[in-house]
Amino acid sequence: MNNQTRVTEFILQGFSQIPQVQVLLFVFFLTLYTVALCGNFLIVTAIAFSSGLHTPMYFFLVNLAVLNVACACTVVPKLLEMLVAEKRTISYEGCMTQMYFLSWSVAAEVLLFTAMAYDRYVAICQPLHYSSRMSPQVCAALAIAVWTISVLGAGVDACLMSRLTFCGPNIIDHFFCEIPPLLVLSCSSTYVNDIMTIVADIFFAVLNFLFTTVSYSYIISTILKIRTAEGKRRAFSTCSSHLMVVAMYYSTVISTYLSPGSSYSPEMGKGMAVLYSTVSPTLNPLIYTLRNKDVKAALKKVFTFLVEKL
């Protein structure tokens, strides 16, 4: 192994290399990217300029919008470059950087979903204590914890990947640098990485998913005890959007990261990655907007203001 040349760049295989298909893929991903950027930007703007939305739920929604943009910007620009310029190479440093920011954004979103579930639990199950348990100081502490833990977790992943040797094939059967397909290419043992990947997935995905599930079990139980149908509808409307986003996100992330590198499936990995790296950041603002009258009212004010300025 010592006599072999270390890999200095990787080749991203991406999707189909048929020109007609690449054009369709370019239009598809460019549309998703544009909608994701515009949608999340509008949500942040609407919440920032609407005093009625300065509540814990919308504070966490702003954090989610920022993470959605970070995730999309980590993956899509390089993908679009591959589809247009057909430049499929990425440097070793660029690959590790992309992997780091993707791991960070995924971990942060999972932790943020848990914080949002806790917020909805307190609001519906313990409304009398909501102002004290979800004070601005508590919300800030939860946000700091989300960002700090995710940054440290991604740092551990990056350090473990940097210790591996890549000296053989350098073709990544994916459209961006991600942990599972990179482990397949390593010339050195990935045993520690496989173990830590599963440990991280259990901590970030499984435990947080269980916590979210328990929270929503109490939430649904409390909603069912409400006597009036209008009261049930109003209570459920405050958490239904979050529940939809959580279900969609966890189903893709867990299926991608739970299996060790030796059993990684490239085709399934690419399909799941499209969902959580491009589709999810696009759908999240639409889900929260279409099902939330307060956000729609705030967005209407933003659009009115922009029209008047133009």
C-alpha atoms as a PDB file:
ATOM      1  CA  MET A   1       0.000   0.000   0.000  1.00  0.00           C
ATOM      2  CA  ASN A   2       2.840   2.384   0.748  1.00  0.00           C
ATOM      3  CA  ASN A   3       4.107   2.080  -2.859  1.00  0.00           C
ATOM      4  CA  GLN A   4       0.730   3.094  -4.332  1.00  0.00           C
ATOM      5  CA  THR A   5      -0.161   6.663  -5.219  1.00  0.00           C
ATOM      6  CA  ARG A   6      -2.627   8.363  -2.911  1.00  0.00           C
ATOM      7  CA  VAL A   7      -5.787   9.632  -4.547  1.00  0.00           C
ATOM      8  CA  THR A   8      -5.760  13.413  -5.013  1.00  0.00           C
ATOM      9  CA  GLU A   9      -9.148  13.692  -6.696  1.00  0.00           C
ATOM     10  CA  PHE A  10     -12.322  11.680  -7.106  1.00  0.00           C
ATOM     11  CA  ILE A  11     -14.597  11.152 -10.087  1.00  0.00           C
ATOM     12  CA  LEU A  12     -18.309  11.515  -9.371  1.00  0.00           C
ATOM     13  CA  GLN A  13     -20.200   9.084 -11.551  1.00  0.00           C
ATOM     14  CA  GLY A  14     -23.510  10.872 -11.072  1.00  0.00           C
ATOM     15  CA  PHE A  15     -26.535   9.849 -13.079  1.00  0.00           C
ATOM     16  CA  SER A  16     -27.057   8.844 -16.701  1.00  0.00           C
ATOM     17  CA  GLN A  17     -24.546  10.192 -19.239  1.00  0.00           C
ATOM     18  CA  ILE A  18     -27.083  10.294 -22.079  1.00  0.00           C
ATOM     19  CA  PRO A  19     -27.219  13.969 -23.240  1.00  0.00           C
ATOM     20  CA  GLN A  20     -31.025  14.131 -23.436  1.00  0.00           C
ATOM     21  CA  VAL A  21     -31.375  12.712 -19.962  1.00  0.00           C
ATOM     22  CA  GLN A  22     -28.735  15.095 -18.612  1.00  0.00           C
ATOM     23  CA  VAL A  23     -30.680  18.075 -19.966  1.00  0.00           C
ATOM     24  CA  LEU A  24     -33.835  16.894 -18.225  1.00  0.00           C
ATOM     25  CA  LEU A  25     -31.923  16.289 -15.007  1.00  0.00           C
ATOM     26  CA  PHE A  26     -30.361  19.742 -15.200  1.00  0.00           C
ATOM     27  CA  VAL A  27     -33.771  21.394 -15.577  1.00  0.00           C
ATOM     28  CA  PHE A  28     -35.184  19.237 -12.769  1.00  0.00           C
ATOM     29  CA  PHE A  29     -32.454  19.971 -10.234  1.00  0.00           C
ATOM     30  CA  LEU A  30     -32.157  23.634 -11.205  1.00  0.00           C
ATOM     31  CA  THR A  31     -35.905  24.015 -10.607  1.00  0.00           C
ATOM     32  CA  LEU A  32     -35.670  22.307  -7.225  1.00  0.00           C
ATOM     33  CA  TYR A  33     -32.647  24.421  -6.276  1.00  0.00           C
ATOM     34  CA  THR A  34     -34.341  27.683  -7.272  1.00  0.00           C
ATOM     35  CA  VAL A  35     -37.547  26.829  -5.425  1.00  0.00           C
ATOM     36  CA  ALA A  36     -35.573  25.743  -2.347  1.00  0.00           C
ATOM     37  CA  LEU A  37     -33.565  28.978  -2.198  1.00  0.00           C
ATOM     38  CA  CYS A  38     -36.534  31.250  -2.889  1.00  0.00           C
ATOM     39  CA  GLY A  39     -38.931  29.367  -0.624  1.00  0.00           C
ATOM     40  CA  ASN A  40     -36.635  29.268   2.386  1.00  0.00           C
ATOM     41  CA  PHE A  41     -35.560  32.882   1.856  1.00  0.00           C
ATOM     42  CA  LEU A  42     -39.200  33.990   1.785  1.00  0.00           C
ATOM     43  CA  ILE A  43     -39.966  32.086   4.986  1.00  0.00           C
ATOM     44  CA  VAL A  44     -37.046  33.715   6.814  1.00  0.00           C
ATOM     45  CA  THR A  45     -38.062  37.136   5.498  1.00  0.00           C
ATOM     46  CA  ALA A  46     -41.734  36.690   6.388  1.00  0.00           C
ATOM     47  CA  ILE A  47     -40.943  35.575   9.928  1.00  0.00           C
ATOM     48  CA  ALA A  48     -38.326  38.299  10.447  1.00  0.00           C
ATOM     49  CA  PHE A  49     -40.676  41.119   9.402  1.00  0.00           C
ATOM     50  CA  SER A  50     -43.827  39.794  11.101  1.00  0.00           C
ATOM     51  CA  SER A  51     -43.888  40.431  14.839  1.00  0.00           C
ATOM     52  CA  GLY A  52     -46.778  38.000  15.256  1.00  0.00           C
ATOM     53  CA  LEU A  53     -44.491  35.159  14.184  1.00  0.00           C
ATOM     54  CA  HIS A  54     -41.766  35.883  16.733  1.00  0.00           C
ATOM     55  CA  THR A  55     -42.570  32.718  18.705  1.00  0.00           C
ATOM     56  CA  PRO A  56     -40.500  29.610  19.503  1.00  0.00           C
ATOM     57  CA  MET A  57     -42.137  27.540  16.743  1.00  0.00           C
ATOM     58  CA  TYR A  58     -41.203  30.037  14.033  1.00  0.00           C
ATOM     59  CA  PHE A  59     -37.788  30.655  15.583  1.00  0.00           C
ATOM     60  CA  PHE A  60     -36.989  26.990  14.995  1.00  0.00           C
ATOM     61  CA  LEU A  61     -38.537  27.213  11.531  1.00  0.00           C
ATOM     62  CA  VAL A  62     -36.033  29.947  10.634  1.00  0.00           C
ATOM     63  CA  ASN A  63     -33.210  27.657  11.768  1.00  0.00           C
ATOM     64  CA  LEU A  64     -34.646  24.863   9.619  1.00  0.00           C
ATOM     65  CA  ALA A  65     -34.807  27.172   6.583  1.00  0.00           C
ATOM     66  CA  VAL A  66     -31.133  28.103   7.037  1.00  0.00           C
ATOM     67  CA  LEU A  67     -30.169  24.429   7.242  1.00  0.00           C
ATOM     68  CA  ASN A  68     -32.236  23.629   4.154  1.00  0.00           C
ATOM     69  CA  VAL A  69     -30.322  26.269   2.194  1.00  0.00           C
ATOM     70  CA  ALA A  70     -26.984  24.995   3.531  1.00  0.00           C
ATOM     71  CA  CYS A  71     -27.801  21.414   2.520  1.00  0.00           C
ATOM     72  CA  ALA A  72     -28.953  22.397  -0.973  1.00  0.00           C
ATOM     73  CA  CYS A  73     -25.939  24.676  -1.545  1.00  0.00           C
ATOM     74  CA  THR A  74     -23.585  21.894  -0.494  1.00  0.00           C
ATOM     75  CA  VAL A  75     -24.883  19.432  -3.074  1.00  0.00           C
ATOM     76  CA  VAL A  76     -26.708  21.041  -6.005  1.00  0.00           C
ATOM     77  CA  PRO A  77     -24.133  23.535  -7.470  1.00  0.00           C
ATOM     78  CA  LYS A  78     -21.579  20.759  -8.050  1.00  0.00           C
ATOM     79  CA  LEU A  79     -24.317  18.526  -9.464  1.00  0.00           C
ATOM     80  CA  LEU A  80     -25.388  21.220 -11.937  1.00  0.00           C
ATOM     81  CA  GLU A  81     -21.763  21.697 -12.973  1.00  0.00           C
ATOM     82  CA  MET A  82     -21.496  17.972 -13.683  1.00  0.00           C
ATOM     83  CA  LEU A  83     -24.637  18.017 -15.818  1.00  0.00           C
ATOM     84  CA  VAL A  84     -23.608  21.097 -17.863  1.00  0.00           C
ATOM     85  CA  ALA A  85     -19.829  21.128 -18.103  1.00  0.00           C
ATOM     86  CA  GLU A  86     -19.494  17.379 -17.579  1.00  0.00           C
ATOM     87  CA  LYS A  87     -16.709  18.079 -15.109  1.00  0.00           C
ATOM     88  CA  ARG A  88     -17.087  15.103 -12.863  1.00  0.00           C
ATOM     89  CA  THR A  89     -13.873  15.424 -10.875  1.00  0.00           C
ATOM     90  CA  ILE A  90     -13.652  16.817  -7.367  1.00  0.00           C
ATOM     91  CA  SER A  91     -10.449  17.292  -5.391  1.00  0.00           C
ATOM     92  CA  TYR A  92      -9.772  15.264  -2.268  1.00  0.00           C
ATOM     93  CA  GLU A  93     -10.034  18.401  -0.131  1.00  0.00           C
ATOM     94  CA  GLY A  94     -13.232  19.472  -1.901  1.00  0.00           C
ATOM     95  CA  CYS A  95     -14.719  16.031  -1.369  1.00  0.00           C
ATOM     96  CA  MET A  96     -13.942  16.054   2.348  1.00  0.00           C
ATOM     97  CA  THR A  97     -15.339  19.583   2.652  1.00  0.00           C
ATOM     98  CA  GLN A  98     -18.564  18.617   0.899  1.00  0.00           C
ATOM     99  CA  MET A  99     -18.901  15.536   3.096  1.00  0.00           C
ATOM    100  CA  TYR A 100     -18.358  17.637   6.244  1.00  0.00           C
ATOM    101  CA  PHE A 101     -20.996  20.250   5.465  1.00  0.00           C
ATOM    102  CA  LEU A 102     -23.492  17.616   4.376  1.00  0.00           C
ATOM    103  CA  SER A 103     -22.968  15.604   7.579  1.00  0.00           C
ATOM    104  CA  TRP A 104     -23.315  18.793   9.593  1.00  0.00           C
ATOM    105  CA  SER A 105     -26.557  19.888   7.940  1.00  0.00           C
ATOM    106  CA  VAL A 106     -28.120  16.417   8.198  1.00  0.00           C
ATOM    107  CA  ALA A 107     -27.223  16.055  11.885  1.00  0.00           C
ATOM    108  CA  ALA A 108     -28.399  19.589  12.674  1.00  0.00           C
ATOM    109  CA  GLU A 109     -31.764  19.045  10.966  1.00  0.00           C
ATOM    110  CA  VAL A 110     -32.363  15.835  12.912  1.00  0.00           C
ATOM    111  CA  LEU A 111     -31.581  17.552  16.220  1.00  0.00           C
ATOM    112  CA  LEU A 112     -33.693  20.537  15.244  1.00  0.00           C
ATOM    113  CA  PHE A 113     -36.678  18.275  14.528  1.00  0.00           C
ATOM    114  CA  THR A 114     -36.396  17.027  18.114  1.00  0.00           C
ATOM    115  CA  ALA A 115     -36.355  20.571  19.479  1.00  0.00           C
ATOM    116  CA  MET A 116     -39.414  21.405  17.381  1.00  0.00           C
ATOM    117  CA  ALA A 117     -41.199  18.281  18.630  1.00  0.00           C
ATOM    118  CA  TYR A 118     -40.461  19.309  22.226  1.00  0.00           C
ATOM    119  CA  ASP A 119     -41.837  22.775  21.498  1.00  0.00           C
ATOM    120  CA  ARG A 120     -45.093  21.312  20.162  1.00  0.00           C
ATOM    121  CA  TYR A 121     -45.287  18.910  23.143  1.00  0.00           C
ATOM    122  CA  VAL A 122     -45.066  21.742  25.666  1.00  0.00           C
ATOM    123  CA  ALA A 123     -47.478  23.945  23.676  1.00  0.00           C
ATOM    124  CA  ILE A 124     -50.210  21.287  23.449  1.00  0.00           C
ATOM    125  CA  CYS A 125     -49.681  19.066  26.489  1.00  0.00           C
ATOM    126  CA  GLN A 126     -48.526  21.686  29.010  1.00  0.00           C
ATOM    127  CA  PRO A 127     -49.834  25.035  27.713  1.00  0.00           C
ATOM    128  CA  LEU A 128     -49.816  26.696  31.144  1.00  0.00           C
ATOM    129  CA  HIS A 129     -46.045  26.218  31.415  1.00  0.00           C
ATOM    130  CA  TYR A 130     -45.274  27.109  27.803  1.00  0.00           C
ATOM    131  CA  SER A 131     -44.031  30.653  28.400  1.00  0.00           C
ATOM    132  CA  SER A 132     -41.533  29.520  31.052  1.00  0.00           C
ATOM    133  CA  ARG A 133     -40.369  26.256  29.452  1.00  0.00           C
ATOM    134  CA  MET A 134     -39.980  27.801  26.010  1.00  0.00           C
ATOM    135  CA  SER A 135     -38.642  31.207  27.024  1.00  0.00           C
ATOM    136  CA  PRO A 136     -36.266  33.062  24.672  1.00  0.00           C
ATOM    137  CA  GLN A 137     -33.345  31.866  26.780  1.00  0.00           C
ATOM    138  CA  VAL A 138     -34.434  28.223  26.504  1.00  0.00           C
ATOM    139  CA  CYS A 139     -34.967  28.535  22.752  1.00  0.00           C
ATOM    140  CA  ALA A 140     -31.533  30.087  22.303  1.00  0.00           C
ATOM    141  CA  ALA A 141     -29.946  27.328  24.411  1.00  0.00           C
ATOM    142  CA  LEU A 142     -31.657  24.627  22.326  1.00  0.00           C
ATOM    143  CA  ALA A 143     -30.529  26.268  19.082  1.00  0.00           C
ATOM    144  CA  ILE A 144     -26.939  26.574  20.337  1.00  0.00           C
ATOM    145  CA  ALA A 145     -26.993  22.914  21.374  1.00  0.00           C
ATOM    146  CA  VAL A 146     -28.280  21.872  17.940  1.00  0.00           C
ATOM    147  CA  TRP A 147     -25.585  23.779  16.061  1.00  0.00           C
ATOM    148  CA  THR A 148     -22.748  22.856  18.434  1.00  0.00           C
ATOM    149  CA  ILE A 149     -23.473  19.119  18.627  1.00  0.00           C
ATOM    150  CA  SER A 150     -23.939  18.844  14.857  1.00  0.00           C
ATOM    151  CA  VAL A 151     -20.671  20.711  14.165  1.00  0.00           C
ATOM    152  CA  LEU A 152     -18.772  18.435  16.565  1.00  0.00           C
ATOM    153  CA  GLY A 153     -20.421  15.316  15.127  1.00  0.00           C
ATOM    154  CA  ALA A 154     -19.507  16.301  11.579  1.00  0.00           C
ATOM    155  CA  GLY A 155     -15.980  17.056  12.778  1.00  0.00           C
ATOM    156  CA  VAL A 156     -15.629  13.537  14.152  1.00  0.00           C
ATOM    157  CA  ASP A 157     -16.813  12.110  10.818  1.00  0.00           C
ATOM    158  CA  ALA A 158     -14.309  14.271   8.934  1.00  0.00           C
ATOM    159  CA  CYS A 159     -11.434  13.243  11.205  1.00  0.00           C
ATOM    160  CA  LEU A 160     -12.254   9.559  10.834  1.00  0.00           C
ATOM    161  CA  MET A 161     -12.459   9.894   7.045  1.00  0.00           C
ATOM    162  CA  SER A 162      -9.166  11.810   6.862  1.00  0.00           C
ATOM    163  CA  ARG A 163      -7.311   8.939   8.543  1.00  0.00           C
ATOM    164  CA  LEU A 164      -8.349   6.527   5.769  1.00  0.00           C
ATOM    165  CA  THR A 165      -6.101   5.806   2.782  1.00  0.00           C
ATOM    166  CA  PHE A 166      -7.493   6.130  -0.736  1.00  0.00           C
ATOM    167  CA  CYS A 167      -5.015   4.606  -3.182  1.00  0.00           C
ATOM    168  CA  GLY A 168      -7.032   2.455  -5.547  1.00  0.00           C
ATOM    169  CA  PRO A 169     -10.177   3.257  -7.547  1.00  0.00           C
ATOM    170  CA  ASN A 170     -11.335   6.848  -7.254  1.00  0.00           C
ATOM    171  CA  ILE A 171     -14.737   6.646  -8.961  1.00  0.00           C
ATOM    172  CA  ILE A 172     -17.564   7.481  -6.535  1.00  0.00           C
ATOM    173  CA  ASP A 173     -20.825   5.908  -7.638  1.00  0.00           C
ATOM    174  CA  HIS A 174     -22.784   8.933  -6.472  1.00  0.00           C
ATOM    175  CA  PHE A 175     -23.458  12.559  -7.398  1.00  0.00           C
ATOM    176  CA  PHE A 176     -21.728  14.021  -4.324  1.00  0.00           C
ATOM    177  CA  CYS A 177     -19.272  12.972  -1.627  1.00  0.00           C
ATOM    178  CA  GLU A 178     -21.024  11.056   1.112  1.00  0.00           C
ATOM    179  CA  ILE A 179     -19.707   8.744   3.808  1.00  0.00           C
ATOM    180  CA  PRO A 180     -21.088   5.347   2.635  1.00  0.00           C
ATOM    181  CA  PRO A 181     -19.762   5.444  -0.980  1.00  0.00           C
ATOM    182  CA  LEU A 182     -16.411   6.837   0.209  1.00  0.00           C
ATOM    183  CA  LEU A 183     -15.942   3.962   2.643  1.00  0.00           C
ATOM    184  CA  VAL A 184     -16.267   1.494  -0.225  1.00  0.00           C
ATOM    185  CA  LEU A 185     -13.238   3.078  -1.963  1.00  0.00           C
ATOM    186  CA  SER A 186     -10.883   3.055   1.016  1.00  0.00           C
ATOM    187  CA  CYS A 187      -7.726   0.913   0.777  1.00  0.00           C
ATOM    188  CA  SER A 188      -7.430   0.753   4.558  1.00  0.00           C
ATOM    189  CA  SER A 189      -9.690  -0.813   7.140  1.00  0.00           C
ATOM    190  CA  THR A 190     -13.032   0.973   7.636  1.00  0.00           C
ATOM    191  CA  TYR A 191     -14.018  -1.015  10.705  1.00  0.00           C
ATOM    192  CA  VAL A 192     -13.858   1.979  13.056  1.00  0.00           C
ATOM    193  CA  ASN A 193     -15.691   4.162  10.545  1.00  0.00           C
ATOM    194  CA  ASP A 194     -18.432   1.557  10.107  1.00  0.00           C
ATOM    195  CA  ILE A 195     -18.900   1.323  13.862  1.00  0.00           C
ATOM    196  CA  MET A 196     -18.903   5.093  14.362  1.00  0.00           C
ATOM    197  CA  THR A 197     -21.327   5.565  11.459  1.00  0.00           C
ATOM    198  CA  ILE A 198     -23.799   3.230  13.124  1.00  0.00           C
ATOM    199  CA  VAL A 199     -23.213   4.833  16.544  1.00  0.00           C
ATOM    200  CA  ALA A 200     -23.760   8.318  15.090  1.00  0.00           C
ATOM    201  CA  ASP A 201     -26.867   7.159  13.262  1.00  0.00           C
ATOM    202  CA  ILE A 202     -28.273   5.652  16.449  1.00  0.00           C
ATOM    203  CA  PHE A 203     -27.575   8.866  18.348  1.00  0.00           C
ATOM    204  CA  PHE A 204     -28.663  11.389  15.747  1.00  0.00           C
ATOM    205  CA  ALA A 205     -31.411   9.497  13.935  1.00  0.00           C
ATOM    206  CA  VAL A 206     -32.791   6.613  15.984  1.00  0.00           C
ATOM    207  CA  LEU A 207     -32.779   8.228  19.445  1.00  0.00           C
ATOM    208  CA  ASN A 208     -34.103  11.526  18.145  1.00  0.00           C
ATOM    209  CA  PHE A 209     -36.737   9.699  16.125  1.00  0.00           C
ATOM    210  CA  LEU A 210     -37.839   7.809  19.249  1.00  0.00           C
ATOM    211  CA  PHE A 211     -37.955  11.042  21.243  1.00  0.00           C
ATOM    212  CA  THR A 212     -40.029  12.673  18.520  1.00  0.00           C
ATOM    213  CA  THR A 213     -42.329   9.653  18.356  1.00  0.00           C
ATOM    214  CA  VAL A 214     -42.890   9.694  22.115  1.00  0.00           C
ATOM    215  CA  SER A 215     -43.567  13.437  22.026  1.00  0.00           C
ATOM    216  CA  TYR A 216     -46.163  13.028  19.313  1.00  0.00           C
ATOM    217  CA  SER A 217     -47.739  10.104  21.121  1.00  0.00           C
ATOM    218  CA  TYR A 218     -48.459  12.437  24.035  1.00  0.00           C
ATOM    219  CA  ILE A 219     -49.522  15.191  21.629  1.00  0.00           C
ATOM    220  CA  ILE A 220     -52.006  12.978  19.775  1.00  0.00           C
ATOM    221  CA  SER A 221     -53.327  11.585  23.046  1.00  0.00           C
ATOM    222  CA  THR A 222     -53.901  15.112  24.340  1.00  0.00           C
ATOM    223  CA  ILE A 223     -55.583  16.222  21.105  1.00  0.00           C
ATOM    224  CA  LEU A 224     -57.971  13.265  21.183  1.00  0.00           C
ATOM    225  CA  LYS A 225     -59.107  14.332  24.668  1.00  0.00           C
ATOM    226  CA  ILE A 226     -60.219  17.734  23.375  1.00  0.00           C
ATOM    227  CA  ARG A 227     -64.009  17.724  23.293  1.00  0.00           C
ATOM    228  CA  THR A 228     -64.754  20.002  20.338  1.00  0.00           C
ATOM    229  CA  ALA A 229     -63.896  19.140  16.737  1.00  0.00           C
ATOM    230  CA  GLU A 230     -62.722  22.717  16.122  1.00  0.00           C
ATOM    231  CA  GLY A 231     -60.363  22.499  19.086  1.00  0.00           C
ATOM    232  CA  LYS A 232     -58.911  19.219  17.774  1.00  0.00           C
ATOM    233  CA  ARG A 233     -58.462  20.650  14.290  1.00  0.00           C
ATOM    234  CA  ARG A 234     -56.765  23.789  15.586  1.00  0.00           C
ATOM    235  CA  ALA A 235     -54.391  21.855  17.845  1.00  0.00           C
ATOM    236  CA  PHE A 236     -53.451  19.345  15.170  1.00  0.00           C
ATOM    237  CA  SER A 237     -52.871  22.064  12.575  1.00  0.00           C
ATOM    238  CA  THR A 238     -50.010  23.461  14.667  1.00  0.00           C
ATOM    239  CA  CYS A 239     -48.003  20.232  14.422  1.00  0.00           C
ATOM    240  CA  SER A 240     -49.203  18.391  11.296  1.00  0.00           C
ATOM    241  CA  SER A 241     -46.685  20.130   9.009  1.00  0.00           C
ATOM    242  CA  HIS A 242     -43.792  19.270  11.289  1.00  0.00           C
ATOM    243  CA  LEU A 243     -44.963  15.655  11.507  1.00  0.00           C
ATOM    244  CA  MET A 244     -45.041  15.339   7.700  1.00  0.00           C
ATOM    245  CA  VAL A 245     -41.537  16.791   7.315  1.00  0.00           C
ATOM    246  CA  VAL A 246     -40.111  14.566  10.063  1.00  0.00           C
ATOM    247  CA  ALA A 247     -41.594  11.381   8.595  1.00  0.00           C
ATOM    248  CA  MET A 248     -40.225  12.165   5.126  1.00  0.00           C
ATOM    249  CA  TYR A 249     -36.757  13.103   6.372  1.00  0.00           C
ATOM    250  CA  TYR A 250     -36.143  10.249   8.812  1.00  0.00           C
ATOM    251  CA  SER A 251     -37.235   7.573   6.344  1.00  0.00           C
ATOM    252  CA  THR A 252     -34.501   8.638   3.901  1.00  0.00           C
ATOM    253  CA  VAL A 253     -31.662   9.436   6.298  1.00  0.00           C
ATOM    254  CA  ILE A 254     -31.942   6.265   8.391  1.00  0.00           C
ATOM    255  CA  SER A 255     -32.074   4.012   5.321  1.00  0.00           C
ATOM    256  CA  THR A 256     -28.936   5.704   3.950  1.00  0.00           C
ATOM    257  CA  TYR A 257     -26.683   5.809   7.007  1.00  0.00           C
ATOM    258  CA  LEU A 258     -27.737   2.853   9.153  1.00  0.00           C
ATOM    259  CA  SER A 259     -26.144   0.154   7.008  1.00  0.00           C
ATOM    260  CA  PRO A 260     -22.321  -0.229   7.109  1.00  0.00           C
ATOM    261  CA  GLY A 261     -20.206   0.598   4.081  1.00  0.00           C
ATOM    262  CA  SER A 262     -19.768  -3.049   3.060  1.00  0.00           C
ATOM    263  CA  SER A 263     -23.498  -3.398   2.337  1.00  0.00           C
ATOM    264  CA  TYR A 264     -23.960  -0.002   0.708  1.00  0.00           C
ATOM    265  CA  SER A 265     -26.204   0.039  -2.380  1.00  0.00           C
ATOM    266  CA  PRO A 266     -25.226   2.828  -4.839  1.00  0.00           C
ATOM    267  CA  GLU A 267     -28.566   3.031  -6.631  1.00  0.00           C
ATOM    268  CA  MET A 268     -30.573   3.125  -3.417  1.00  0.00           C
ATOM    269  CA  GLY A 269     -28.095   5.585  -1.907  1.00  0.00           C
ATOM    270  CA  LYS A 270     -28.485   8.005  -4.814  1.00  0.00           C
ATOM    271  CA  GLY A 271     -32.266   7.750  -4.716  1.00  0.00           C
ATOM    272  CA  MET A 272     -32.430   8.455  -0.993  1.00  0.00           C
ATOM    273  CA  ALA A 273     -29.874  11.263  -1.316  1.00  0.00           C
ATOM    274  CA  VAL A 274     -31.987  13.041  -3.926  1.00  0.00           C
ATOM    275  CA  LEU A 275     -34.889  13.048  -1.479  1.00  0.00           C
ATOM    276  CA  TYR A 276     -33.128  14.476   1.578  1.00  0.00           C
ATOM    277  CA  SER A 277     -30.573  16.730  -0.142  1.00  0.00           C
ATOM    278  CA  THR A 278     -32.706  18.369  -2.844  1.00  0.00           C
ATOM    279  CA  VAL A 279     -36.383  17.401  -2.594  1.00  0.00           C
ATOM    280  CA  SER A 280     -36.710  17.902   1.166  1.00  0.00           C
ATOM    281  CA  PRO A 281     -35.260  21.476   1.213  1.00  0.00           C
ATOM    282  CA  THR A 282     -37.690  22.293  -1.602  1.00  0.00           C
ATOM    283  CA  LEU A 283     -40.803  20.759  -0.055  1.00  0.00           C
ATOM    284  CA  ASN A 284     -40.241  21.941   3.525  1.00  0.00           C
ATOM    285  CA  PRO A 285     -41.130  25.625   2.902  1.00  0.00           C
ATOM    286  CA  LEU A 286     -44.080  24.573   0.729  1.00  0.00           C
ATOM    287  CA  ILE A 287     -45.443  22.249   3.414  1.00  0.00           C
ATOM    288  CA  TYR A 288     -45.123  24.836   6.172  1.00  0.00           C
ATOM    289  CA  THR A 289     -46.563  27.581   3.951  1.00  0.00           C
ATOM    290  CA  LEU A 290     -49.519  25.781   2.408  1.00  0.00           C
ATOM    291  CA  ARG A 291     -50.713  24.388   5.731  1.00  0.00           C
ATOM    292  CA  ASN A 292     -50.142  27.455   7.889  1.00  0.00           C
ATOM    293  CA  LYS A 293     -52.411  30.465   7.556  1.00  0.00           C
ATOM    294  CA  ASP A 294     -50.173  32.679   9.715  1.00  0.00           C
ATOM    295  CA  VAL A 295     -47.183  32.110   7.419  1.00  0.00           C
ATOM    296  CA  LYS A 296     -49.358  32.670   4.343  1.00  0.00           C
ATOM    297  CA  ALA A 297     -50.594  35.960   5.783  1.00  0.00           C
ATOM    298  CA  ALA A 298     -47.013  37.055   6.516  1.00  0.00           C
ATOM    299  CA  LEU A 299     -45.896  36.072   3.015  1.00  0.00           C
ATOM    300  CA  LYS A 300     -48.761  38.086   1.555  1.00  0.00           C
ATOM    301  CA  LYS A 301     -47.470  41.141   3.395  1.00  0.00           C
ATOM    302  CA  VAL A 302     -43.957  40.513   2.069  1.00  0.00           C
ATOM    303  CA  PHE A 303     -45.199  40.203  -1.517  1.00  0.00           C
ATOM    304  CA  THR A 304     -47.300  43.350  -1.129  1.00  0.00           C
ATOM    305  CA  PHE A 305     -44.296  45.261   0.184  1.00  0.00           C
ATOM    306  CA  LEU A 306     -42.103  44.048  -2.705  1.00  0.00           C
ATOM    307  CA  VAL A 307     -44.736  44.994  -5.300  1.00  0.00           C
ATOM    308  CA  GLU A 308     -45.072  48.477  -3.831  1.00  0.00           C
ATOM    309  CA  LYS A 309     -41.286  48.964  -3.880  1.00  0.00           C
ATOM    310  CA  LEU A 310     -41.053  47.814  -7.486  1.00  0.00           C
END
